[in-house]
Amino acid sequence: MHVPTIYNTDIDESYDELVLNDDKLHHLINVLRIRNNSPIKISNGKGILFFGKLKDNNIQISSKKEYKRDKTINIFVPPIQDKNRFRFMIEKLGELNVNSITIGPTDYSQKANVNNDKVISWLVSSVEQSGTPFIPKFEICEEIDFNKFNHGLDICGKKINDNLSFQNIAIGPEGGWSQDELNKFSYTSSINEFTFRTETAAIVAVSLMI
């Protein structure tokens, strides 16, 4: 049975009840059709899930479970002009439990404005949809840090199975990396002989690494 999840970063072990705001209450009761005494999970996004039941418009907490990350994947992705594709990528990376998402330009990437608040809302949505205890760290940068992201995804790289241990990975734009950028990677990996869209490459690469 699917148990809906609420994201609340402020909740800690001292809580025995969580007071729901109007938006969360509306979503549970009017959208998900959740009724009194139905089970609810609460994710703090930091590795703990709290378990409880809806009671008089609040959640009474009965237990909790702490989780540890099996893998720590940090991913760099360029912005995508198409907001639907961009949102799809961000949400799926959240569901796949990456540790962090860094968004920034590359030499051949599309010019696109990135709204910080929207990205965070998409990540919250991914937490509540999937029920994960983690939410990725998120930042926008002005340029890629090749010291951190030393593993680049490129069609001319080695098979990614040879480089799975290098988990700070950078995904390039559909136009590819420039030669100058490629020269700065310590490792390059390929997941296919054909060109994937940015969001496809990011999701497939992370799926192979987890």
C-alpha atoms as a PDB file:
ATOM      1  CA  MET A   1       0.000   0.000   0.000  1.00  0.00           C
ATOM      2  CA  HIS A   2       1.316   3.431  -0.934  1.00  0.00           C
ATOM      3  CA  VAL A   3       1.795   5.665   2.094  1.00  0.00           C
ATOM      4  CA  PRO A   4       1.982   9.396   1.284  1.00  0.00           C
ATOM      5  CA  THR A   5       5.029  11.350   2.389  1.00  0.00           C
ATOM      6  CA  ILE A   6       5.301  14.903   3.721  1.00  0.00           C
ATOM      7  CA  TYR A   7       8.602  16.775   3.524  1.00  0.00           C
ATOM      8  CA  ASN A   8       9.510  18.876   6.552  1.00  0.00           C
ATOM      9  CA  THR A   9      13.114  19.870   7.124  1.00  0.00           C
ATOM     10  CA  ASP A  10      12.517  21.203  10.652  1.00  0.00           C
ATOM     11  CA  ILE A  11      11.175  18.018  12.223  1.00  0.00           C
ATOM     12  CA  ASP A  12      13.443  16.289  14.733  1.00  0.00           C
ATOM     13  CA  GLU A  13      13.315  13.471  17.262  1.00  0.00           C
ATOM     14  CA  SER A  14      11.566  15.643  19.873  1.00  0.00           C
ATOM     15  CA  TYR A  15       8.375  15.832  17.802  1.00  0.00           C
ATOM     16  CA  ASP A  16       5.397  13.672  18.698  1.00  0.00           C
ATOM     17  CA  GLU A  17       3.038  15.657  16.479  1.00  0.00           C
ATOM     18  CA  LEU A  18       3.426  17.694  13.291  1.00  0.00           C
ATOM     19  CA  VAL A  19       1.042  20.560  12.650  1.00  0.00           C
ATOM     20  CA  LEU A  20       0.187  20.719   8.946  1.00  0.00           C
ATOM     21  CA  ASN A  21      -0.008  23.992   7.062  1.00  0.00           C
ATOM     22  CA  ASP A  22      -2.998  24.697   4.835  1.00  0.00           C
ATOM     23  CA  ASP A  23      -1.244  23.678   1.608  1.00  0.00           C
ATOM     24  CA  LYS A  24      -0.121  20.288   2.936  1.00  0.00           C
ATOM     25  CA  LEU A  25      -3.512  19.645   4.499  1.00  0.00           C
ATOM     26  CA  HIS A  26      -5.315  20.524   1.263  1.00  0.00           C
ATOM     27  CA  HIS A  27      -3.042  18.216  -0.736  1.00  0.00           C
ATOM     28  CA  LEU A  28      -3.562  15.287   1.626  1.00  0.00           C
ATOM     29  CA  ILE A  29      -7.320  15.624   2.106  1.00  0.00           C
ATOM     30  CA  ASN A  30      -8.547  17.040  -1.213  1.00  0.00           C
ATOM     31  CA  VAL A  31      -6.006  15.688  -3.692  1.00  0.00           C
ATOM     32  CA  LEU A  32      -4.874  12.388  -2.188  1.00  0.00           C
ATOM     33  CA  ARG A  33      -8.188  11.763  -0.377  1.00  0.00           C
ATOM     34  CA  ILE A  34      -6.437  10.869   2.874  1.00  0.00           C
ATOM     35  CA  ARG A  35      -8.728  10.485   5.874  1.00  0.00           C
ATOM     36  CA  ASN A  36      -8.313  10.432   9.657  1.00  0.00           C
ATOM     37  CA  ASN A  37      -6.155   7.593  11.019  1.00  0.00           C
ATOM     38  CA  SER A  38      -4.535   6.987   7.634  1.00  0.00           C
ATOM     39  CA  PRO A  39      -0.760   6.324   7.789  1.00  0.00           C
ATOM     40  CA  ILE A  40       1.584   9.167   6.792  1.00  0.00           C
ATOM     41  CA  LYS A  41       5.364   9.370   6.466  1.00  0.00           C
ATOM     42  CA  ILE A  42       7.416  12.508   7.100  1.00  0.00           C
ATOM     43  CA  SER A  43      10.852  12.960   5.533  1.00  0.00           C
ATOM     44  CA  ASN A  44      13.264  15.476   6.992  1.00  0.00           C
ATOM     45  CA  GLY A  45      15.423  15.200   3.859  1.00  0.00           C
ATOM     46  CA  LYS A  46      18.455  14.412   6.020  1.00  0.00           C
ATOM     47  CA  GLY A  47      18.081  10.645   6.275  1.00  0.00           C
ATOM     48  CA  ILE A  48      15.197  10.141   8.721  1.00  0.00           C
ATOM     49  CA  LEU A  49      11.646   9.040   8.010  1.00  0.00           C
ATOM     50  CA  PHE A  50       9.023   9.579  10.701  1.00  0.00           C
ATOM     51  CA  PHE A  51       5.884   7.438  10.731  1.00  0.00           C
ATOM     52  CA  GLY A  52       2.490   8.455  12.023  1.00  0.00           C
ATOM     53  CA  LYS A  53      -1.213   8.874  11.316  1.00  0.00           C
ATOM     54  CA  LEU A  54      -3.389  11.769  10.288  1.00  0.00           C
ATOM     55  CA  LYS A  55      -5.413  12.870  13.298  1.00  0.00           C
ATOM     56  CA  ASP A  56      -7.595  15.991  13.423  1.00  0.00           C
ATOM     57  CA  ASN A  57      -5.660  17.725  10.662  1.00  0.00           C
ATOM     58  CA  ASN A  58      -2.251  16.986  12.215  1.00  0.00           C
ATOM     59  CA  ILE A  59       0.101  14.007  12.098  1.00  0.00           C
ATOM     60  CA  GLN A  60       0.630  12.076  15.309  1.00  0.00           C
ATOM     61  CA  ILE A  61       4.101  10.511  15.160  1.00  0.00           C
ATOM     62  CA  SER A  62       4.638   6.990  16.476  1.00  0.00           C
ATOM     63  CA  SER A  63       8.103   5.925  15.240  1.00  0.00           C
ATOM     64  CA  LYS A  64      11.054   6.808  13.056  1.00  0.00           C
ATOM     65  CA  LYS A  65      13.733   5.115  10.954  1.00  0.00           C
ATOM     66  CA  GLU A  66      17.201   6.415  10.100  1.00  0.00           C
ATOM     67  CA  TYR A  67      18.821   5.687   6.740  1.00  0.00           C
ATOM     68  CA  LYS A  68      22.385   5.886   5.426  1.00  0.00           C
ATOM     69  CA  ARG A  69      23.312   6.552   1.809  1.00  0.00           C
ATOM     70  CA  ASP A  70      24.702   3.519  -0.017  1.00  0.00           C
ATOM     71  CA  LYS A  71      26.337   5.760  -2.617  1.00  0.00           C
ATOM     72  CA  THR A  72      27.289   9.443  -2.603  1.00  0.00           C
ATOM     73  CA  ILE A  73      26.724  10.667  -6.149  1.00  0.00           C
ATOM     74  CA  ASN A  74      27.318  14.338  -6.915  1.00  0.00           C
ATOM     75  CA  ILE A  75      26.218  15.421 -10.383  1.00  0.00           C
ATOM     76  CA  PHE A  76      26.813  18.490 -12.527  1.00  0.00           C
ATOM     77  CA  VAL A  77      24.239  19.261 -15.211  1.00  0.00           C
ATOM     78  CA  PRO A  78      23.834  22.199 -17.610  1.00  0.00           C
ATOM     79  CA  PRO A  79      20.532  24.111 -17.734  1.00  0.00           C
ATOM     80  CA  ILE A  80      17.910  23.111 -20.294  1.00  0.00           C
ATOM     81  CA  GLN A  81      15.751  25.738 -22.002  1.00  0.00           C
ATOM     82  CA  ASP A  82      12.694  23.479 -22.138  1.00  0.00           C
ATOM     83  CA  LYS A  83      11.294  23.821 -18.604  1.00  0.00           C
ATOM     84  CA  ASN A  84       9.346  20.556 -18.767  1.00  0.00           C
ATOM     85  CA  ARG A  85      12.460  18.576 -19.687  1.00  0.00           C
ATOM     86  CA  PHE A  86      14.495  20.444 -17.094  1.00  0.00           C
ATOM     87  CA  ARG A  87      11.962  19.758 -14.354  1.00  0.00           C
ATOM     88  CA  PHE A  88      11.725  16.093 -15.370  1.00  0.00           C
ATOM     89  CA  MET A  89      15.509  15.724 -15.012  1.00  0.00           C
ATOM     90  CA  ILE A  90      15.662  17.434 -11.620  1.00  0.00           C
ATOM     91  CA  GLU A  91      12.782  15.403 -10.189  1.00  0.00           C
ATOM     92  CA  LYS A  92      14.200  12.090 -11.412  1.00  0.00           C
ATOM     93  CA  LEU A  93      17.646  12.869 -10.007  1.00  0.00           C
ATOM     94  CA  GLY A  94      15.913  13.574  -6.693  1.00  0.00           C
ATOM     95  CA  GLU A  95      14.072  10.262  -6.826  1.00  0.00           C
ATOM     96  CA  LEU A  96      17.364   8.505  -7.595  1.00  0.00           C
ATOM     97  CA  ASN A  97      18.788   9.900  -4.343  1.00  0.00           C
ATOM     98  CA  VAL A  98      21.806  11.761  -5.683  1.00  0.00           C
ATOM     99  CA  ASN A  99      23.699  13.539  -2.928  1.00  0.00           C
ATOM    100  CA  SER A 100      23.947  16.876  -4.720  1.00  0.00           C
ATOM    101  CA  ILE A 101      22.987  18.599  -7.970  1.00  0.00           C
ATOM    102  CA  THR A 102      25.076  21.446  -9.360  1.00  0.00           C
ATOM    103  CA  ILE A 103      23.740  23.433 -12.310  1.00  0.00           C
ATOM    104  CA  GLY A 104      25.977  25.627 -14.425  1.00  0.00           C
ATOM    105  CA  PRO A 105      26.895  26.638 -17.968  1.00  0.00           C
ATOM    106  CA  THR A 106      29.289  24.838 -20.289  1.00  0.00           C
ATOM    107  CA  ASP A 107      30.929  26.066 -23.483  1.00  0.00           C
ATOM    108  CA  TYR A 108      28.132  24.675 -25.675  1.00  0.00           C
ATOM    109  CA  SER A 109      25.157  24.624 -23.307  1.00  0.00           C
ATOM    110  CA  GLN A 110      21.909  26.468 -23.909  1.00  0.00           C
ATOM    111  CA  LYS A 111      21.405  29.827 -22.238  1.00  0.00           C
ATOM    112  CA  ALA A 112      18.598  29.459 -19.737  1.00  0.00           C
ATOM    113  CA  ASN A 113      17.590  31.144 -16.506  1.00  0.00           C
ATOM    114  CA  VAL A 114      17.435  28.822 -13.516  1.00  0.00           C
ATOM    115  CA  ASN A 115      14.927  29.718 -10.802  1.00  0.00           C
ATOM    116  CA  ASN A 116      16.338  28.554  -7.469  1.00  0.00           C
ATOM    117  CA  ASP A 117      12.953  28.399  -5.729  1.00  0.00           C
ATOM    118  CA  LYS A 118      11.383  26.359  -8.529  1.00  0.00           C
ATOM    119  CA  VAL A 119      14.207  23.818  -8.504  1.00  0.00           C
ATOM    120  CA  ILE A 120      13.856  23.379  -4.753  1.00  0.00           C
ATOM    121  CA  SER A 121      10.086  22.935  -5.123  1.00  0.00           C
ATOM    122  CA  TRP A 122      10.698  20.243  -7.770  1.00  0.00           C
ATOM    123  CA  LEU A 123      13.087  18.451  -5.426  1.00  0.00           C
ATOM    124  CA  VAL A 124      10.535  18.609  -2.600  1.00  0.00           C
ATOM    125  CA  SER A 125       7.975  17.144  -4.992  1.00  0.00           C
ATOM    126  CA  SER A 126      10.353  14.281  -5.788  1.00  0.00           C
ATOM    127  CA  VAL A 127      10.826  13.546  -2.079  1.00  0.00           C
ATOM    128  CA  GLU A 128       7.092  13.473  -1.433  1.00  0.00           C
ATOM    129  CA  GLN A 129       6.360  11.406  -4.528  1.00  0.00           C
ATOM    130  CA  SER A 130       9.035   8.771  -3.886  1.00  0.00           C
ATOM    131  CA  GLY A 131       9.043   8.714  -0.089  1.00  0.00           C
ATOM    132  CA  THR A 132      12.825   9.032   0.103  1.00  0.00           C
ATOM    133  CA  PRO A 133      14.442  10.188   3.376  1.00  0.00           C
ATOM    134  CA  PHE A 134      16.925  12.360   1.458  1.00  0.00           C
ATOM    135  CA  ILE A 135      16.736  15.564  -0.544  1.00  0.00           C
ATOM    136  CA  PRO A 136      19.738  16.484  -2.716  1.00  0.00           C
ATOM    137  CA  LYS A 137      21.882  19.482  -1.916  1.00  0.00           C
ATOM    138  CA  PHE A 138      21.485  22.010  -4.693  1.00  0.00           C
ATOM    139  CA  GLU A 139      23.551  24.884  -6.023  1.00  0.00           C
ATOM    140  CA  ILE A 140      23.889  27.068  -9.099  1.00  0.00           C
ATOM    141  CA  CYS A 141      27.440  27.847 -10.205  1.00  0.00           C
ATOM    142  CA  GLU A 142      28.978  30.182 -12.763  1.00  0.00           C
ATOM    143  CA  GLU A 143      31.361  27.529 -14.136  1.00  0.00           C
ATOM    144  CA  ILE A 144      32.092  23.857 -13.626  1.00  0.00           C
ATOM    145  CA  ASP A 145      34.684  22.941 -10.989  1.00  0.00           C
ATOM    146  CA  PHE A 146      36.830  20.321 -12.726  1.00  0.00           C
ATOM    147  CA  ASN A 147      38.641  19.549  -9.468  1.00  0.00           C
ATOM    148  CA  LYS A 148      35.371  18.329  -7.996  1.00  0.00           C
ATOM    149  CA  PHE A 149      33.693  17.024 -11.139  1.00  0.00           C
ATOM    150  CA  ASN A 150      36.636  15.141 -12.627  1.00  0.00           C
ATOM    151  CA  HIS A 151      34.511  12.457 -14.310  1.00  0.00           C
ATOM    152  CA  GLY A 152      32.782  13.592 -17.497  1.00  0.00           C
ATOM    153  CA  LEU A 153      30.195  11.792 -19.576  1.00  0.00           C
ATOM    154  CA  ASP A 154      31.134  11.821 -23.263  1.00  0.00           C
ATOM    155  CA  ILE A 155      30.321   9.630 -26.259  1.00  0.00           C
ATOM    156  CA  CYS A 156      34.062   9.070 -26.893  1.00  0.00           C
ATOM    157  CA  GLY A 157      34.844   7.958 -23.328  1.00  0.00           C
ATOM    158  CA  LYS A 158      35.444   4.499 -21.934  1.00  0.00           C
ATOM    159  CA  LYS A 159      32.482   2.307 -21.039  1.00  0.00           C
ATOM    160  CA  ILE A 160      31.015   3.702 -17.835  1.00  0.00           C
ATOM    161  CA  ASN A 161      31.293   0.294 -16.120  1.00  0.00           C
ATOM    162  CA  ASP A 162      35.051   0.915 -15.980  1.00  0.00           C
ATOM    163  CA  ASN A 163      34.592   4.190 -14.083  1.00  0.00           C
ATOM    164  CA  LEU A 164      31.671   3.551 -11.714  1.00  0.00           C
ATOM    165  CA  SER A 165      33.755   4.318  -8.644  1.00  0.00           C
ATOM    166  CA  PHE A 166      34.265   7.963  -9.715  1.00  0.00           C
ATOM    167  CA  GLN A 167      30.955   9.326  -8.489  1.00  0.00           C
ATOM    168  CA  ASN A 168      31.364  13.069  -9.003  1.00  0.00           C
ATOM    169  CA  ILE A 169      30.087  13.060 -12.567  1.00  0.00           C
ATOM    170  CA  ALA A 170      29.454  15.853 -15.054  1.00  0.00           C
ATOM    171  CA  ILE A 171      26.811  15.652 -17.777  1.00  0.00           C
ATOM    172  CA  GLY A 172      27.387  17.780 -20.869  1.00  0.00           C
ATOM    173  CA  PRO A 173      24.933  19.544 -23.157  1.00  0.00           C
ATOM    174  CA  GLU A 174      23.482  17.903 -26.251  1.00  0.00           C
ATOM    175  CA  GLY A 175      26.098  19.787 -28.295  1.00  0.00           C
ATOM    176  CA  GLY A 176      28.799  17.975 -26.347  1.00  0.00           C
ATOM    177  CA  TRP A 177      31.813  19.195 -24.415  1.00  0.00           C
ATOM    178  CA  SER A 178      34.404  21.448 -26.007  1.00  0.00           C
ATOM    179  CA  GLN A 179      37.863  19.955 -26.467  1.00  0.00           C
ATOM    180  CA  ASP A 180      39.176  22.311 -23.794  1.00  0.00           C
ATOM    181  CA  GLU A 181      36.609  20.964 -21.330  1.00  0.00           C
ATOM    182  CA  LEU A 182      37.352  17.347 -22.235  1.00  0.00           C
ATOM    183  CA  ASN A 183      41.043  17.922 -21.572  1.00  0.00           C
ATOM    184  CA  LYS A 184      40.244  18.967 -17.996  1.00  0.00           C
ATOM    185  CA  PHE A 185      38.511  15.719 -17.008  1.00  0.00           C
ATOM    186  CA  SER A 186      40.531  12.975 -15.335  1.00  0.00           C
ATOM    187  CA  TYR A 187      38.083  10.348 -16.606  1.00  0.00           C
ATOM    188  CA  THR A 188      35.499  10.259 -19.369  1.00  0.00           C
ATOM    189  CA  SER A 189      32.768   7.653 -19.716  1.00  0.00           C
ATOM    190  CA  SER A 190      30.283   6.689 -22.413  1.00  0.00           C
ATOM    191  CA  ILE A 191      26.910   5.053 -21.862  1.00  0.00           C
ATOM    192  CA  ASN A 192      25.937   4.648 -25.514  1.00  0.00           C
ATOM    193  CA  GLU A 193      27.313   5.072 -29.021  1.00  0.00           C
ATOM    194  CA  PHE A 194      24.447   7.455 -29.823  1.00  0.00           C
ATOM    195  CA  THR A 195      23.749  10.944 -28.502  1.00  0.00           C
ATOM    196  CA  PHE A 196      21.288  11.122 -25.615  1.00  0.00           C
ATOM    197  CA  ARG A 197      19.420  14.197 -24.524  1.00  0.00           C
ATOM    198  CA  THR A 198      20.912  15.790 -21.418  1.00  0.00           C
ATOM    199  CA  GLU A 199      18.169  14.562 -19.106  1.00  0.00           C
ATOM    200  CA  THR A 200      18.344  11.027 -20.521  1.00  0.00           C
ATOM    201  CA  ALA A 201      22.120  10.896 -20.098  1.00  0.00           C
ATOM    202  CA  ALA A 202      21.903  12.168 -16.517  1.00  0.00           C
ATOM    203  CA  ILE A 203      19.228   9.683 -15.471  1.00  0.00           C
ATOM    204  CA  VAL A 204      20.865   6.701 -17.172  1.00  0.00           C
ATOM    205  CA  ALA A 205      24.324   7.519 -15.807  1.00  0.00           C
ATOM    206  CA  VAL A 206      23.086   7.838 -12.233  1.00  0.00           C
ATOM    207  CA  SER A 207      20.974   4.684 -12.585  1.00  0.00           C
ATOM    208  CA  LEU A 208      24.093   2.747 -13.603  1.00  0.00           C
ATOM    209  CA  MET A 209      26.094   4.177 -10.699  1.00  0.00           C
ATOM    210  CA  ILE A 210      23.695   3.484  -7.865  1.00  0.00           C
END
